[in-house]
Amino acid sequence: MSVLSKSWALGGGLDLISPALQIPPGKAILAQNFECAMNGGYRRMDGYTIFDGRVGGTPLAVTGSGPIRGVWDYNNVVYAFRDNAGGTACVMHKSTSTGWAVVTTPALPAGGAYEFINHNFAGHSSSLKMFGCNSVGKAFQFDGTTLTLLTTGMTTDTPSYVGVHKNHLFLSFTGGSIQHSAVGDPTSWTLVTGAGEIGIGAEVTGFSSMKGNALAITGSDRVSILYGTSASDWDLKLFSPAIGASPKTQVQMDADLYYFNGDDLSSLTATQAFGDFESASVSAVVKPFIDARKNLMVGATVNRDKNQYRLFFSDMTVLVATIINRQIIGFSTWRLEHTPSYITEGYTGCTDGSVMVMDSGTSFNGEVIKSYLRLPYTSLNTPHKKKRFRKATLELSTGSQASLEYLADYDYGTGGSSSTSVTTVYGGGGFWDVATWGDFVWSSAVVASADAYLNGSGMNISLLIVHSSATDPSFTVEGVQMNYSLRGLNR
């Protein structure tokens, strides 16, 4: 009986909705703690480590009680906000070489959810400031030494969201009211100086300054676009009157805005026509995953090095979209070991008071990363023929080594499973005079392979790849080669 061979590249991410026969073999039906690599394949995610700024020693959580309420990077220093031990006030902390240090501030009320933005209103290199609000107290500005409360004149002066557009500071208040400062002066909030008020008719959920002199204002049930440059020519247009954006999910990548609308991930894209936009839902293939968690959303962030939009949920799961050339090339999921409470670029604040540096290390702060990749059932283009499967070979690029487990299922799971195979692959090789010395493993393969010998029969096969380690570096599963023999028609 002749042995046939077929190979295919992996990529395209999760597909949780298509009929089994329509899912391309390179996609995935389970991708936990993997991510879609920018150049194809599925990469085991990087880990995260606890952070407090110290050099040497063991980092600690922020002192106090309750969850982390805010984390922000300002002038290459990380600041964290957490309620004090008695829960009577919120305390600002600064990362230092010896750990978290309390920053003296005016009284900050307990509770709230912090929002931040960095902006330079004065134009001098030393005048960059951090601006924030928390929905329970006044907005503030911080220059690295002094935190100053901002008084807008609102009766209930407790803004929830902060943004900057055309050199104005924007703040949102309950009821859909938006206040903006005078141009170039975030401390001036009077009409005579150019400050003003705008209403959108819905609770505001965020600001995003877009290209083309436009400010996207997301609301609970709508998206509005503000055109113009100042109070003298503002022009508010209702862009989407039925679908809004969930709080803390708006992330800009290139010229596009991505956000969770309560049901799906949506994009707001600037068109070639000046000042115009178009929107689209972009997460249909992972809707079952989203539907199970739509009420558990915590926030979203971006990793610009990996071109990823990441949506975090309170059940410790994360939906990860890899975006290349303004197109989503695939989704995957993570399952963390710590519960997120605040999400910002590069860092995750947790319910236990810890702050984690994302994309750092090979573990979940010392805990094992358990990753699973289930490939779709493939019939090798012969869906009505029985086959004996003999060997599956994975092609991988690895940092140095990775220990993998294989399992094969046949006939959509009704045809039994293979015994589990365990193999260790070694990689991290490079080309002489091309790779950087010290960044590759001498005598190791540039692309490693891992073989799983099979002895099962069926019309189709699905491979499950399992990895569990706190020390293995990340690796990418790039392709599959399957050896098999045809046995005849299924009658």
Protein backbone atom coordinates (compact mmCIF):
# COMPACT_ATOMS: atom_id res chain seq x y z
CA MET A 1 0.00 0.00 0.00
CA SER A 2 1.61 3.22 -1.14
CA VAL A 3 2.26 5.98 1.36
CA LEU A 4 1.17 9.46 0.39
CA SER A 5 2.30 12.73 1.92
CA LYS A 6 0.66 16.09 2.21
CA SER A 7 1.93 19.25 3.90
CA TRP A 8 0.42 22.62 4.68
CA ALA A 9 1.34 25.84 6.41
CA LEU A 10 -0.40 26.92 9.61
CA GLY A 11 -2.02 30.30 10.09
CA GLY A 12 -5.29 32.18 9.98
CA GLY A 13 -6.25 31.83 13.63
CA LEU A 14 -9.39 30.52 15.26
CA ASP A 15 -12.52 29.60 13.34
CA LEU A 16 -15.31 28.71 15.76
CA ILE A 17 -18.29 29.03 13.42
CA SER A 18 -17.61 27.51 10.00
CA PRO A 19 -18.78 24.02 9.06
CA ALA A 20 -16.00 21.48 9.59
CA LEU A 21 -15.52 20.79 5.87
CA GLN A 22 -15.04 24.49 5.15
CA ILE A 23 -12.32 25.24 7.71
CA PRO A 24 -8.91 25.42 6.02
CA PRO A 25 -6.46 22.93 7.57
CA GLY A 26 -4.06 25.71 8.59
CA LYS A 27 -6.58 27.36 10.89
CA ALA A 28 -7.33 26.33 14.48
CA ILE A 29 -10.42 25.34 16.46
CA LEU A 30 -8.60 25.78 19.79
CA ALA A 31 -5.66 28.13 20.34
CA GLN A 32 -5.19 28.73 24.07
CA ASN A 33 -2.05 30.63 25.09
CA PHE A 34 -0.98 30.85 21.47
CA GLU A 35 -0.98 33.92 19.23
CA CYS A 36 -1.03 34.34 15.46
CA ALA A 37 2.53 35.13 14.46
CA MET A 38 2.95 38.07 12.10
CA ASN A 39 4.84 35.93 9.56
CA GLY A 40 2.54 32.93 9.81
CA GLY A 41 2.12 30.04 12.19
CA TYR A 42 1.06 29.92 15.84
CA ARG A 43 3.43 31.21 18.48
CA ARG A 44 3.28 30.16 22.11
CA MET A 45 2.68 33.41 23.98
CA ASP A 46 5.30 35.10 26.13
CA GLY A 47 4.78 35.20 29.88
CA TYR A 48 4.47 38.02 32.36
CA THR A 49 6.27 38.98 35.57
CA ILE A 50 5.38 41.04 38.62
CA PHE A 51 6.79 44.57 38.63
CA ASP A 52 7.47 47.33 41.14
CA GLY A 53 10.50 49.01 39.55
CA ARG A 54 13.11 47.58 41.90
CA VAL A 55 16.55 46.52 40.74
CA GLY A 56 17.34 43.19 42.38
CA GLY A 57 15.22 41.44 44.95
CA THR A 58 11.66 40.19 44.62
CA PRO A 59 9.05 42.65 43.33
CA LEU A 60 5.97 43.11 45.49
CA ALA A 61 2.34 44.07 45.01
CA VAL A 62 1.20 47.64 45.60
CA THR A 63 0.28 48.08 49.28
CA GLY A 64 -3.34 48.69 50.15
CA SER A 65 -6.64 46.91 49.59
CA GLY A 66 -8.81 45.95 46.65
CA PRO A 67 -7.82 45.83 43.00
CA ILE A 68 -5.40 48.00 41.09
CA ARG A 69 -7.51 50.94 39.90
CA GLY A 70 -5.04 52.51 37.51
CA VAL A 71 -1.59 51.96 35.96
CA TRP A 72 0.21 54.43 33.72
CA ASP A 73 3.66 55.04 32.23
CA TYR A 74 4.71 58.68 32.35
CA ASN A 75 8.25 59.78 31.46
CA ASN A 76 9.40 56.14 31.68
CA VAL A 77 8.18 55.80 35.25
CA VAL A 78 5.22 53.55 36.08
CA TYR A 79 2.53 54.82 38.46
CA ALA A 80 -0.13 52.68 40.12
CA PHE A 81 -3.29 53.61 42.01
CA ARG A 82 -4.82 51.43 44.74
CA ASP A 83 -7.09 52.10 47.72
CA ASN A 84 -5.41 52.26 51.12
CA ALA A 85 -5.66 49.41 53.63
CA GLY A 86 -8.81 50.85 55.18
CA GLY A 87 -10.48 51.52 51.83
CA THR A 88 -11.02 55.18 52.74
CA ALA A 89 -8.89 56.82 50.02
CA CYS A 90 -6.96 55.99 46.88
CA VAL A 91 -3.17 56.26 46.96
CA MET A 92 -0.80 57.03 44.09
CA HIS A 93 2.38 54.92 43.98
CA LYS A 94 5.55 55.36 41.97
CA SER A 95 7.89 52.59 40.79
CA THR A 96 11.43 53.09 42.08
CA SER A 97 14.66 51.10 42.27
CA THR A 98 13.60 49.93 45.73
CA GLY A 99 9.95 49.18 44.92
CA TRP A 100 6.68 51.08 45.10
CA ALA A 101 6.83 54.47 46.85
CA VAL A 102 3.84 56.59 47.87
CA VAL A 103 3.40 59.88 45.99
CA THR A 104 2.06 62.73 48.10
CA THR A 105 -1.11 64.11 46.50
CA PRO A 106 -4.26 65.97 47.45
CA ALA A 107 -6.87 63.58 48.82
CA LEU A 108 -8.04 61.12 46.18
CA PRO A 109 -11.38 59.41 46.90
CA ALA A 110 -11.53 55.64 47.22
CA GLY A 111 -12.93 53.59 44.38
CA GLY A 112 -13.31 54.71 40.82
CA ALA A 113 -11.72 53.58 37.58
CA TYR A 114 -8.80 55.70 36.40
CA GLU A 115 -8.20 57.01 32.88
CA PHE A 116 -4.99 58.71 31.72
CA ILE A 117 -3.36 60.49 28.84
CA ASN A 118 0.05 62.16 28.41
CA HIS A 119 0.22 65.43 26.51
CA ASN A 120 2.45 68.44 26.07
CA PHE A 121 0.31 71.60 25.92
CA ALA A 122 3.22 74.04 26.15
CA GLY A 123 5.46 72.58 23.47
CA HIS A 124 8.67 72.57 25.53
CA SER A 125 10.39 69.20 25.97
CA SER A 126 10.06 69.53 29.75
CA SER A 127 6.34 70.40 29.80
CA LEU A 128 4.87 66.97 29.08
CA LYS A 129 2.27 66.18 31.75
CA MET A 130 0.10 63.28 32.75
CA PHE A 131 -3.65 63.93 32.92
CA GLY A 132 -6.17 61.69 34.63
CA CYS A 133 -9.65 61.22 36.01
CA ASN A 134 -11.40 58.53 38.00
CA SER A 135 -15.23 59.08 37.93
CA VAL A 136 -15.34 59.71 41.70
CA GLY A 137 -13.23 62.87 42.06
CA LYS A 138 -11.84 65.82 40.14
CA ALA A 139 -9.58 65.44 37.13
CA PHE A 140 -5.90 66.12 37.70
CA GLN A 141 -2.58 66.86 36.06
CA PHE A 142 0.81 65.59 37.22
CA ASP A 143 4.26 66.87 36.27
CA GLY A 144 6.36 64.15 37.91
CA THR A 145 6.43 65.94 41.26
CA THR A 146 3.13 67.69 41.93
CA LEU A 147 -0.39 66.44 41.31
CA THR A 148 -2.83 69.33 40.78
CA LEU A 149 -6.60 68.93 40.80
CA LEU A 150 -8.48 70.55 37.90
CA THR A 151 -11.73 72.41 38.58
CA THR A 152 -14.10 72.56 35.62
CA GLY A 153 -17.04 74.29 37.30
CA MET A 154 -19.40 71.36 36.85
CA THR A 155 -21.78 70.92 39.79
CA THR A 156 -20.70 67.30 40.11
CA ASP A 157 -17.08 67.61 39.08
CA THR A 158 -16.26 63.90 38.69
CA PRO A 159 -15.29 63.18 35.07
CA SER A 160 -15.02 59.60 33.86
CA TYR A 161 -12.97 59.83 30.64
CA VAL A 162 -10.15 62.05 29.45
CA GLY A 163 -8.81 62.85 26.00
CA VAL A 164 -6.85 65.44 24.04
CA HIS A 165 -7.83 66.85 20.66
CA LYS A 166 -6.54 69.92 18.83
CA ASN A 167 -4.63 70.94 21.96
CA HIS A 168 -7.78 70.95 24.14
CA LEU A 169 -8.24 68.70 27.16
CA PHE A 170 -11.57 66.86 26.94
CA LEU A 171 -13.44 65.40 29.93
CA SER A 172 -16.72 63.48 30.00
CA PHE A 173 -19.40 63.63 32.68
CA THR A 174 -22.51 61.65 33.55
CA GLY A 175 -25.40 62.22 31.18
CA GLY A 176 -23.35 62.58 28.01
CA SER A 177 -21.86 65.99 28.82
CA ILE A 178 -18.41 66.73 27.42
CA GLN A 179 -16.35 69.67 28.66
CA HIS A 180 -13.22 70.90 26.92
CA SER A 181 -10.60 73.32 28.17
CA ALA A 182 -9.33 76.44 26.48
CA VAL A 183 -6.91 75.71 23.66
CA GLY A 184 -3.42 75.11 25.03
CA ASP A 185 -4.50 75.54 28.67
CA PRO A 186 -5.87 72.48 30.50
CA THR A 187 -6.43 74.56 33.64
CA SER A 188 -8.84 77.04 31.99
CA TRP A 189 -12.51 76.03 31.83
CA THR A 190 -14.40 79.29 31.20
CA LEU A 191 -16.28 80.26 28.05
CA VAL A 192 -14.41 83.54 27.66
CA THR A 193 -11.11 81.68 27.27
CA GLY A 194 -12.43 79.25 24.66
CA ALA A 195 -13.62 76.37 26.84
CA GLY A 196 -16.98 74.83 26.05
CA GLU A 197 -19.51 72.04 26.43
CA ILE A 198 -20.81 69.44 23.96
CA GLY A 199 -23.52 66.83 24.52
CA ILE A 200 -23.86 63.52 22.66
CA GLY A 201 -27.10 62.25 24.24
CA ALA A 202 -25.56 59.08 25.68
CA GLU A 203 -23.08 58.10 28.35
CA VAL A 204 -19.57 58.67 27.00
CA THR A 205 -17.24 55.67 26.97
CA GLY A 206 -14.09 57.17 25.47
CA PHE A 207 -12.25 59.67 23.25
CA SER A 208 -9.98 58.91 20.30
CA SER A 209 -8.34 61.67 18.24
CA MET A 210 -8.40 60.46 14.62
CA LYS A 211 -6.73 61.66 11.45
CA GLY A 212 -8.44 64.39 9.46
CA ASN A 213 -9.20 66.81 12.32
CA ALA A 214 -11.72 64.37 13.79
CA LEU A 215 -12.38 63.24 17.35
CA ALA A 216 -14.22 59.94 17.71
CA ILE A 217 -16.46 60.09 20.78
CA THR A 218 -17.80 56.67 21.69
CA GLY A 219 -20.95 56.35 23.72
CA SER A 220 -22.90 53.54 25.30
CA ASP A 221 -25.22 53.25 22.28
CA ARG A 222 -23.66 55.42 19.58
CA VAL A 223 -20.47 56.71 18.01
CA SER A 224 -20.14 60.41 17.18
CA ILE A 225 -17.46 62.25 15.22
CA LEU A 226 -16.46 65.78 16.18
CA TYR A 227 -14.95 67.80 13.35
CA GLY A 228 -13.28 71.20 13.61
CA THR A 229 -10.45 72.76 15.56
CA SER A 230 -12.04 74.83 18.36
CA ALA A 231 -15.30 76.00 19.92
CA SER A 232 -15.74 78.43 17.04
CA ASP A 233 -16.19 75.69 14.44
CA TRP A 234 -16.94 72.38 16.20
CA ASP A 235 -19.27 70.21 14.09
CA LEU A 236 -20.65 67.09 15.81
CA LYS A 237 -21.91 64.31 13.52
CA LEU A 238 -23.73 61.17 14.66
CA PHE A 239 -21.83 58.37 12.94
CA SER A 240 -23.45 55.23 14.39
CA PRO A 241 -26.86 55.82 16.02
CA ALA A 242 -27.48 52.23 17.17
CA ILE A 243 -24.18 50.65 18.23
CA GLY A 244 -21.76 52.12 20.75
CA ALA A 245 -18.56 51.02 22.46
CA SER A 246 -17.94 49.37 25.80
CA PRO A 247 -15.77 51.37 28.24
CA LYS A 248 -11.99 50.96 28.12
CA THR A 249 -11.97 48.89 24.93
CA GLN A 250 -10.96 51.56 22.39
CA VAL A 251 -7.49 51.14 20.92
CA GLN A 252 -5.96 52.94 17.96
CA MET A 253 -3.72 51.02 15.58
CA ASP A 254 -2.32 52.97 12.65
CA ALA A 255 -5.24 55.08 11.39
CA ASP A 256 -7.97 52.73 12.65
CA LEU A 257 -9.91 52.49 15.89
CA TYR A 258 -10.82 49.07 17.30
CA TYR A 259 -13.38 48.67 20.05
CA PHE A 260 -15.80 46.18 21.59
CA ASN A 261 -19.40 47.20 20.93
CA GLY A 262 -21.01 44.90 23.50
CA ASP A 263 -21.51 42.06 21.02
CA ASP A 264 -18.58 42.10 18.60
CA LEU A 265 -15.21 43.65 17.95
CA SER A 266 -15.65 46.59 15.56
CA SER A 267 -13.33 48.82 13.60
CA LEU A 268 -13.65 52.48 12.66
CA THR A 269 -11.57 53.19 9.58
CA ALA A 270 -10.73 56.49 7.94
CA THR A 271 -11.59 56.37 4.23
CA GLN A 272 -9.79 58.03 1.36
CA ALA A 273 -12.47 60.71 1.29
CA PHE A 274 -11.19 63.42 3.62
CA GLY A 275 -12.80 63.31 7.02
CA ASP A 276 -15.02 60.29 6.31
CA PHE A 277 -15.10 56.96 8.12
CA GLU A 278 -16.54 53.48 7.74
CA SER A 279 -17.13 50.80 10.33
CA ALA A 280 -17.27 47.02 10.29
CA SER A 281 -17.69 44.08 12.64
CA VAL A 282 -14.51 42.00 12.47
CA SER A 283 -14.92 39.15 14.97
CA ALA A 284 -17.58 36.84 13.51
CA VAL A 285 -15.26 33.79 13.51
CA VAL A 286 -14.84 33.96 17.31
CA LYS A 287 -18.34 35.10 18.26
CA PRO A 288 -19.05 32.02 20.45
CA PHE A 289 -16.02 32.89 22.58
CA ILE A 290 -17.17 36.51 22.89
CA ASP A 291 -20.80 35.63 23.57
CA ALA A 292 -19.81 33.56 26.59
CA ARG A 293 -17.91 36.54 28.09
CA LYS A 294 -19.56 39.73 26.84
CA ASN A 295 -20.52 40.75 30.39
CA LEU A 296 -17.03 40.04 31.79
CA MET A 297 -15.07 42.67 29.84
CA VAL A 298 -12.27 44.45 31.76
CA GLY A 299 -10.47 46.44 29.08
CA ALA A 300 -8.29 46.33 26.01
CA THR A 301 -4.77 47.27 25.02
CA VAL A 302 -2.37 46.99 22.13
CA ASN A 303 1.07 45.48 21.59
CA ARG A 304 2.55 47.47 18.73
CA ASP A 305 5.60 45.24 18.30
CA LYS A 306 3.35 42.24 17.63
CA ASN A 307 0.53 44.23 15.97
CA GLN A 308 -2.00 42.86 18.44
CA TYR A 309 -5.29 44.07 19.88
CA ARG A 310 -5.96 42.34 23.22
CA LEU A 311 -9.36 42.24 24.94
CA PHE A 312 -9.24 41.12 28.59
CA PHE A 313 -12.06 39.48 30.56
CA SER A 314 -12.52 38.96 34.29
CA ASP A 315 -12.49 35.16 33.94
CA MET A 316 -8.75 35.55 33.16
CA THR A 317 -9.22 34.95 29.44
CA VAL A 318 -7.96 37.25 26.68
CA LEU A 319 -9.00 37.51 23.04
CA VAL A 320 -5.98 38.38 20.87
CA ALA A 321 -6.27 39.73 17.31
CA THR A 322 -3.16 40.05 15.13
CA ILE A 323 -3.52 42.88 12.61
CA ILE A 324 -1.30 43.32 9.56
CA ASN A 325 -1.78 46.09 7.00
CA ARG A 326 -5.07 47.07 8.67
CA GLN A 327 -6.45 43.54 8.28
CA ILE A 328 -7.00 40.97 11.05
CA ILE A 329 -5.00 37.89 10.06
CA GLY A 330 -6.29 35.78 12.93
CA PHE A 331 -7.59 35.45 16.48
CA SER A 332 -6.31 33.37 19.37
CA THR A 333 -6.97 33.23 23.12
CA TRP A 334 -5.04 33.32 26.37
CA ARG A 335 -5.87 31.89 29.79
CA LEU A 336 -3.95 33.78 32.50
CA GLU A 337 -3.25 32.81 36.11
CA HIS A 338 -4.07 36.23 37.60
CA THR A 339 -7.34 38.17 37.43
CA PRO A 340 -6.99 41.50 35.59
CA SER A 341 -8.55 44.67 36.97
CA TYR A 342 -6.84 47.38 34.89
CA ILE A 343 -5.34 47.16 31.42
CA THR A 344 -2.82 49.52 29.87
CA GLU A 345 -0.15 49.20 27.21
CA GLY A 346 2.63 46.94 28.50
CA TYR A 347 1.14 46.38 31.97
CA THR A 348 -1.79 44.64 33.65
CA GLY A 349 -3.05 45.59 37.09
CA CYS A 350 -4.60 42.69 39.01
CA THR A 351 -7.27 42.21 41.65
CA ASP A 352 -4.62 41.12 44.19
CA GLY A 353 -2.80 44.47 43.95
CA SER A 354 0.03 43.26 41.73
CA VAL A 355 1.18 44.94 38.53
CA MET A 356 2.42 42.61 35.80
CA VAL A 357 4.77 43.40 32.92
CA MET A 358 3.30 41.70 29.88
CA ASP A 359 5.36 39.90 27.22
CA SER A 360 8.05 39.19 29.79
CA GLY A 361 9.64 35.89 30.77
CA THR A 362 8.61 32.30 30.08
CA SER A 363 5.96 31.84 32.78
CA PHE A 364 2.95 33.45 34.39
CA ASN A 365 5.01 35.05 37.16
CA GLY A 366 6.46 31.65 38.04
CA GLU A 367 3.35 29.63 37.19
CA VAL A 368 3.37 27.17 34.30
CA ILE A 369 2.00 28.33 30.94
CA LYS A 370 -0.35 25.62 29.70
CA SER A 371 -0.94 25.96 25.98
CA TYR A 372 -3.17 24.01 23.62
CA LEU A 373 -3.42 24.08 19.85
CA ARG A 374 -6.17 22.02 18.21
CA LEU A 375 -6.07 21.91 14.42
CA PRO A 376 -9.31 21.39 12.49
CA TYR A 377 -10.34 17.99 11.21
CA THR A 378 -8.88 17.57 7.74
CA SER A 379 -9.72 14.93 5.17
CA LEU A 380 -6.68 15.71 3.01
CA ASN A 381 -9.01 16.61 0.12
CA THR A 382 -10.59 13.14 0.12
CA PRO A 383 -13.55 13.47 2.50
CA HIS A 384 -15.26 10.21 1.45
CA LYS A 385 -12.21 7.97 1.52
CA LYS A 386 -10.88 6.03 4.47
CA LYS A 387 -7.24 6.55 5.29
CA ARG A 388 -4.62 5.01 7.52
CA PHE A 389 -2.61 7.77 9.15
CA ARG A 390 1.02 6.85 9.69
CA LYS A 391 3.02 9.88 10.78
CA ALA A 392 2.55 13.58 11.47
CA THR A 393 5.53 15.93 11.41
CA LEU A 394 5.37 19.43 12.81
CA GLU A 395 7.75 22.14 11.67
CA LEU A 396 8.65 24.59 14.43
CA SER A 397 10.93 27.49 15.11
CA THR A 398 12.03 27.42 18.74
CA GLY A 399 14.11 29.58 21.04
CA SER A 400 16.21 26.63 22.20
CA GLN A 401 13.96 23.69 23.08
CA ALA A 402 10.35 22.77 23.72
CA SER A 403 8.76 19.58 25.03
CA LEU A 404 5.48 18.85 23.24
CA GLU A 405 2.71 16.30 23.54
CA TYR A 406 0.75 15.09 20.52
CA LEU A 407 -2.68 13.54 20.30
CA ALA A 408 -4.61 12.64 17.13
CA ASP A 409 -8.40 12.25 16.90
CA TYR A 410 -10.13 10.55 13.99
CA ASP A 411 -13.56 10.88 12.34
CA TYR A 412 -14.61 14.01 14.27
CA GLY A 413 -13.79 12.26 17.52
CA THR A 414 -15.92 9.16 16.95
CA GLY A 415 -13.07 7.13 15.49
CA GLY A 416 -10.98 7.08 18.66
CA SER A 417 -7.74 8.77 19.55
CA SER A 418 -4.09 7.94 19.27
CA SER A 419 -1.90 7.39 22.28
CA THR A 420 -0.16 10.52 23.51
CA SER A 421 3.31 11.10 22.08
CA VAL A 422 5.89 13.19 23.89
CA THR A 423 8.84 14.73 22.08
CA THR A 424 11.45 17.40 22.74
CA VAL A 425 12.50 19.55 19.83
CA TYR A 426 15.65 21.62 19.68
CA GLY A 427 15.99 24.76 17.61
CA GLY A 428 17.24 28.28 17.82
CA GLY A 429 19.76 27.76 15.04
CA GLY A 430 20.92 30.42 12.62
CA PHE A 431 22.89 30.96 9.43
CA TRP A 432 26.60 31.66 9.66
CA ASP A 433 27.41 35.33 8.93
CA VAL A 434 23.68 36.17 9.00
CA ALA A 435 22.41 35.54 12.55
CA THR A 436 23.72 37.65 15.42
CA TRP A 437 26.35 35.86 17.52
CA GLY A 438 24.85 34.88 20.86
CA ASP A 439 21.28 34.93 19.51
CA PHE A 440 21.32 31.42 18.05
CA VAL A 441 22.14 27.92 19.28
CA TRP A 442 25.25 26.38 17.74
CA SER A 443 24.57 23.24 15.62
CA SER A 444 20.78 23.49 16.14
CA ALA A 445 18.28 23.49 13.29
CA VAL A 446 16.91 26.75 11.93
CA VAL A 447 13.53 25.02 11.63
CA ALA A 448 13.03 22.10 13.99
CA SER A 449 10.73 19.15 13.40
CA ALA A 450 8.80 16.88 15.73
CA ASP A 451 7.48 13.49 14.63
CA ALA A 452 4.44 11.69 15.95
CA TYR A 453 4.01 8.11 14.71
CA LEU A 454 0.36 7.26 14.22
CA ASN A 455 -1.57 4.04 13.75
CA GLY A 456 -5.15 5.14 13.33
CA SER A 457 -7.75 5.06 10.59
CA GLY A 458 -10.57 7.34 9.59
CA MET A 459 -11.83 9.73 6.97
CA ASN A 460 -10.28 12.73 8.71
CA ILE A 461 -7.84 13.63 11.45
CA SER A 462 -7.31 16.44 13.95
CA LEU A 463 -4.07 17.07 15.81
CA LEU A 464 -3.91 18.41 19.36
CA ILE A 465 -0.56 19.91 20.39
CA VAL A 466 -0.06 20.45 24.12
CA HIS A 467 2.77 22.31 25.83
CA SER A 468 3.20 22.98 29.55
CA SER A 469 6.26 24.70 30.96
CA ALA A 470 7.46 27.60 33.05
CA THR A 471 10.95 27.60 31.53
CA ASP A 472 10.71 26.78 27.82
CA PRO A 473 11.09 29.85 25.60
CA SER A 474 8.36 30.65 23.11
CA PHE A 475 8.18 28.68 19.90
CA THR A 476 6.16 28.87 16.70
CA VAL A 477 4.36 25.94 15.08
CA GLU A 478 4.69 26.70 11.38
CA GLY A 479 3.48 23.72 9.38
CA VAL A 480 2.36 20.09 9.26
CA GLN A 481 3.32 17.15 7.06
CA MET A 482 1.05 14.10 7.12
CA ASN A 483 1.97 10.63 5.85
CA TYR A 484 -1.01 8.38 5.12
CA SER A 485 -2.38 5.62 2.88
CA LEU A 486 -5.74 5.52 1.13
CA ARG A 487 -7.95 2.54 1.97
CA GLY A 488 -11.06 3.01 -0.15
CA LEU A 489 -14.47 4.70 -0.15
CA ASN A 490 -16.62 4.92 2.93
CA ARG A 491 -19.64 2.80 1.97
